[in-house]
C-alpha atoms as a PDB file:
ATOM      1  CA  MET A   1      -2.448 -12.276 -11.902  1.00  0.00           C
ATOM      2  CA  LYS A   2      -1.347  -8.982 -13.554  1.00  0.00           C
ATOM      3  CA  ILE A   3      -0.608  -5.790 -11.542  1.00  0.00           C
ATOM      4  CA  HIS A   4      -0.848  -2.442 -13.405  1.00  0.00           C
ATOM      5  CA  SER A   5      -1.295   0.931 -12.923  1.00  0.00           C
ATOM      6  CA  GLU A   6      -4.497   2.779 -14.173  1.00  0.00           C
ATOM      7  CA  THR A   7      -5.688   5.792 -15.540  1.00  0.00           C
ATOM      8  CA  LEU A   8      -8.970   6.779 -13.754  1.00  0.00           C
ATOM      9  CA  THR A   9     -12.038   7.897 -15.887  1.00  0.00           C
ATOM     10  CA  PRO A  10     -15.646   8.429 -14.660  1.00  0.00           C
ATOM     11  CA  GLU A  11     -16.657   4.955 -15.971  1.00  0.00           C
ATOM     12  CA  ARG A  12     -13.695   3.109 -14.101  1.00  0.00           C
ATOM     13  CA  ILE A  13     -14.834   4.895 -10.792  1.00  0.00           C
ATOM     14  CA  LYS A  14     -18.379   3.644 -11.255  1.00  0.00           C
ATOM     15  CA  GLU A  15     -16.834   0.181 -11.784  1.00  0.00           C
ATOM     16  CA  LEU A  16     -14.456   0.387  -8.841  1.00  0.00           C
ATOM     17  CA  ALA A  17     -17.492   1.807  -6.728  1.00  0.00           C
ATOM     18  CA  LEU A  18     -19.619  -1.173  -7.493  1.00  0.00           C
ATOM     19  CA  PHE A  19     -16.392  -3.780  -6.948  1.00  0.00           C
ATOM     20  CA  GLU A  20     -16.373  -2.124  -3.398  1.00  0.00           C
ATOM     21  CA  GLN A  21     -20.034  -2.320  -2.744  1.00  0.00           C
ATOM     22  CA  ALA A  22     -19.757  -6.054  -3.361  1.00  0.00           C
ATOM     23  CA  ALA A  23     -16.515  -6.519  -1.040  1.00  0.00           C
ATOM     24  CA  PHE A  24     -17.931  -4.245   1.912  1.00  0.00           C
ATOM     25  CA  GLY A  25     -21.571  -4.248   1.392  1.00  0.00           C
ATOM     26  CA  TYR A  26     -21.694  -0.448   0.736  1.00  0.00           C
ATOM     27  CA  ASP A  27     -20.289   1.570  -2.043  1.00  0.00           C
ATOM     28  CA  GLY A  28     -17.281   3.143  -0.242  1.00  0.00           C
ATOM     29  CA  THR A  29     -16.398   6.710  -0.687  1.00  0.00           C
ATOM     30  CA  LEU A  30     -15.895   6.829  -4.503  1.00  0.00           C
ATOM     31  CA  LEU A  31     -19.617   7.511  -5.387  1.00  0.00           C
ATOM     32  CA  ASP A  32     -19.766  10.087  -2.295  1.00  0.00           C
ATOM     33  CA  LYS A  33     -17.422  12.415  -3.972  1.00  0.00           C
ATOM     34  CA  ASN A  34     -17.132  14.578  -6.843  1.00  0.00           C
ATOM     35  CA  VAL A  35     -15.927  12.283  -9.731  1.00  0.00           C
ATOM     36  CA  GLN A  36     -13.300  14.808 -10.957  1.00  0.00           C
ATOM     37  CA  LYS A  37     -11.905  15.368  -7.574  1.00  0.00           C
ATOM     38  CA  VAL A  38     -11.556  11.582  -7.291  1.00  0.00           C
ATOM     39  CA  ILE A  39      -9.648  11.577 -10.486  1.00  0.00           C
ATOM     40  CA  ALA A  40      -7.518  14.425  -9.529  1.00  0.00           C
ATOM     41  CA  GLU A  41      -6.551  13.021  -6.053  1.00  0.00           C
ATOM     42  CA  ASN A  42      -6.185   9.181  -6.580  1.00  0.00           C
ATOM     43  CA  ASN A  43      -3.817   6.919  -8.404  1.00  0.00           C
ATOM     44  CA  ILE A  44      -4.930   3.420  -9.067  1.00  0.00           C
ATOM     45  CA  LEU A  45      -3.136  -0.213  -8.983  1.00  0.00           C
ATOM     46  CA  ALA A  46      -5.202  -2.992 -10.086  1.00  0.00           C
ATOM     47  CA  ALA A  47      -4.804  -6.772  -9.751  1.00  0.00           C
ATOM     48  CA  LEU A  48      -6.436  -8.405 -12.762  1.00  0.00           C
ATOM     49  CA  ASP A  49      -7.133 -11.864 -13.802  1.00  0.00           C
ATOM     50  CA  ASP A  50      -6.160 -13.555 -17.144  1.00  0.00           C
ATOM     51  CA  GLN A  51      -9.607 -12.442 -18.600  1.00  0.00           C
ATOM     52  CA  GLY A  52      -9.251  -8.703 -17.295  1.00  0.00           C
ATOM     53  CA  ASN A  53     -11.492  -8.971 -14.299  1.00  0.00           C
ATOM     54  CA  THR A  54     -10.790  -7.063 -11.209  1.00  0.00           C
ATOM     55  CA  LEU A  55      -9.414  -9.129  -8.554  1.00  0.00           C
ATOM     56  CA  GLY A  56      -8.596  -6.224  -6.242  1.00  0.00           C
ATOM     57  CA  HIS A  57      -7.387  -2.432  -6.316  1.00  0.00           C
ATOM     58  CA  LEU A  58      -5.411  -0.070  -4.079  1.00  0.00           C
ATOM     59  CA  ARG A  59      -6.071   3.746  -4.272  1.00  0.00           C
ATOM     60  CA  TYR A  60      -3.388   6.173  -3.215  1.00  0.00           C
ATOM     61  CA  LYS A  61      -2.834   9.969  -3.056  1.00  0.00           C
ATOM     62  CA  ASN A  62       0.166  11.584  -4.013  1.00  0.00           C
ATOM     63  CA  GLN A  63       0.460  14.006  -0.908  1.00  0.00           C
ATOM     64  CA  PRO A  64       3.680  14.861   0.826  1.00  0.00           C
ATOM     65  CA  ASN A  65       4.157  11.127   1.038  1.00  0.00           C
ATOM     66  CA  PRO A  66       2.152   8.505  -0.658  1.00  0.00           C
ATOM     67  CA  TYR A  67      -1.103   8.099   1.279  1.00  0.00           C
ATOM     68  CA  ILE A  68      -3.115   4.432   0.825  1.00  0.00           C
ATOM     69  CA  SER A  69      -6.752   5.941   0.438  1.00  0.00           C
ATOM     70  CA  GLY A  70      -8.111   2.383  -0.197  1.00  0.00           C
ATOM     71  CA  LEU A  71      -7.451  -1.431  -0.529  1.00  0.00           C
ATOM     72  CA  VAL A  72     -10.029  -3.544  -1.666  1.00  0.00           C
ATOM     73  CA  VAL A  73      -9.867  -7.277  -2.584  1.00  0.00           C
ATOM     74  CA  ASP A  74     -12.888  -9.569  -3.813  1.00  0.00           C
ATOM     75  CA  PRO A  75     -14.001 -11.607  -0.655  1.00  0.00           C
ATOM     76  CA  ALA A  76     -13.847 -14.639  -3.013  1.00  0.00           C
ATOM     77  CA  GLN A  77     -10.098 -14.092  -3.851  1.00  0.00           C
ATOM     78  CA  ARG A  78      -8.915 -13.063  -0.186  1.00  0.00           C
ATOM     79  CA  GLY A  79      -6.240 -15.042   1.345  1.00  0.00           C
ATOM     80  CA  GLN A  80      -4.348 -15.694  -1.949  1.00  0.00           C
ATOM     81  CA  GLY A  81      -1.562 -12.796  -1.669  1.00  0.00           C
ATOM     82  CA  ILE A  82      -3.566 -10.115  -3.951  1.00  0.00           C
ATOM     83  CA  GLY A  83      -3.488  -7.309  -1.105  1.00  0.00           C
ATOM     84  CA  THR A  84       0.264  -8.302  -0.494  1.00  0.00           C
ATOM     85  CA  ALA A  85       1.127  -7.861  -4.037  1.00  0.00           C
ATOM     86  CA  LEU A  86      -0.903  -4.478  -4.585  1.00  0.00           C
ATOM     87  CA  ILE A  87       1.061  -3.061  -1.568  1.00  0.00           C
ATOM     88  CA  ARG A  88       4.339  -4.442  -2.801  1.00  0.00           C
ATOM     89  CA  GLU A  89       4.034  -2.840  -6.077  1.00  0.00           C
ATOM     90  CA  LEU A  90       3.324   0.481  -4.514  1.00  0.00           C
ATOM     91  CA  MET A  91       6.408   0.175  -2.343  1.00  0.00           C
ATOM     92  CA  LYS A  92       8.558  -0.228  -5.547  1.00  0.00           C
ATOM     93  CA  LEU A  93       7.521   3.064  -6.649  1.00  0.00           C
ATOM     94  CA  GLN A  94       7.585   5.266  -3.591  1.00  0.00           C
ATOM     95  CA  GLU A  95       8.459   5.649  -0.041  1.00  0.00           C
ATOM     96  CA  PRO A  96       7.478   6.397   2.791  1.00  0.00           C
ATOM     97  CA  ILE A  97       3.833   5.478   2.688  1.00  0.00           C
ATOM     98  CA  ASP A  98       1.197   6.475   5.326  1.00  0.00           C
ATOM     99  CA  LEU A  99      -2.450   4.999   5.681  1.00  0.00           C
ATOM    100  CA  ASN A 100      -5.170   4.489   8.474  1.00  0.00           C
ATOM    101  CA  VAL A 101      -6.997   1.561   9.135  1.00  0.00           C
ATOM    102  CA  MET A 102      -9.975   0.951  11.228  1.00  0.00           C
ATOM    103  CA  ASN A 103      -9.309  -0.704  14.889  1.00  0.00           C
ATOM    104  CA  LYS A 104     -11.491  -3.537  14.136  1.00  0.00           C
ATOM    105  CA  ASN A 105      -9.845  -4.630  10.898  1.00  0.00           C
ATOM    106  CA  LEU A 106      -7.430  -6.885  12.507  1.00  0.00           C
ATOM    107  CA  ARG A 107      -6.645  -8.540   9.148  1.00  0.00           C
ATOM    108  CA  ALA A 108      -5.515  -5.537   7.508  1.00  0.00           C
ATOM    109  CA  GLN A 109      -3.456  -4.534  10.452  1.00  0.00           C
ATOM    110  CA  LYS A 110      -1.760  -7.850  10.483  1.00  0.00           C
ATOM    111  CA  LEU A 111      -0.837  -7.568   6.619  1.00  0.00           C
ATOM    112  CA  TYR A 112       0.580  -3.918   7.131  1.00  0.00           C
ATOM    113  CA  GLU A 113       2.743  -5.052  10.002  1.00  0.00           C
ATOM    114  CA  LYS A 114       3.868  -8.347   7.963  1.00  0.00           C
ATOM    115  CA  LEU A 115       4.806  -5.839   5.170  1.00  0.00           C
ATOM    116  CA  GLY A 116       7.043  -3.700   7.372  1.00  0.00           C
ATOM    117  CA  PHE A 117       4.439  -0.907   8.389  1.00  0.00           C
ATOM    118  CA  THR A 118       4.611   0.403  12.065  1.00  0.00           C
ATOM    119  CA  ARG A 119       1.882   1.849  13.889  1.00  0.00           C
ATOM    120  CA  VAL A 120       2.101   5.772  14.526  1.00  0.00           C
ATOM    121  CA  LYS A 121       1.718   6.266  18.081  1.00  0.00           C
ATOM    122  CA  GLY A 122      -1.580   8.059  19.151  1.00  0.00           C
ATOM    123  CA  SER A 123      -3.415   7.188  15.880  1.00  0.00           C
ATOM    124  CA  ALA A 124      -5.034   4.509  13.558  1.00  0.00           C
ATOM    125  CA  GLY A 125      -2.144   5.204  11.222  1.00  0.00           C
ATOM    126  CA  TYR A 126       0.656   3.137   9.806  1.00  0.00           C
ATOM    127  CA  ARG A 127       3.808   4.298   7.898  1.00  0.00           C
ATOM    128  CA  TRP A 128       6.521   2.307   5.876  1.00  0.00           C
ATOM    129  CA  GLU A 129       9.705   3.837   5.687  1.00  0.00           C
ATOM    130  CA  GLY A 130      11.231   1.596   2.982  1.00  0.00           C
END
């Protein structure tokens, strides 16, 4: 597996949106927004197999602190460390890192806590201080 940073293009956004649709059963938020705004606001780290197929991707925004706006792993590939590898790659680049996670997404909460993120009191947010 190779992790790398990608430059977003309208074509790549459509590919990632279809990937999210397959993973979650809907097209996430990528196609609901202005494509140029998505390109301007987001950075992508992608996990690829040896043939260049996407195994997962992490979208993040450079706000005052980096903010993870999406983490998606192919359902057939979950439990193999892809999400962990993507987050660790972002951790090498920047700190602190913020994110929100749905209360019902216990698997994601466990992952973030395992990687040292702490819950922000009174919110669905997590933060990693480095």
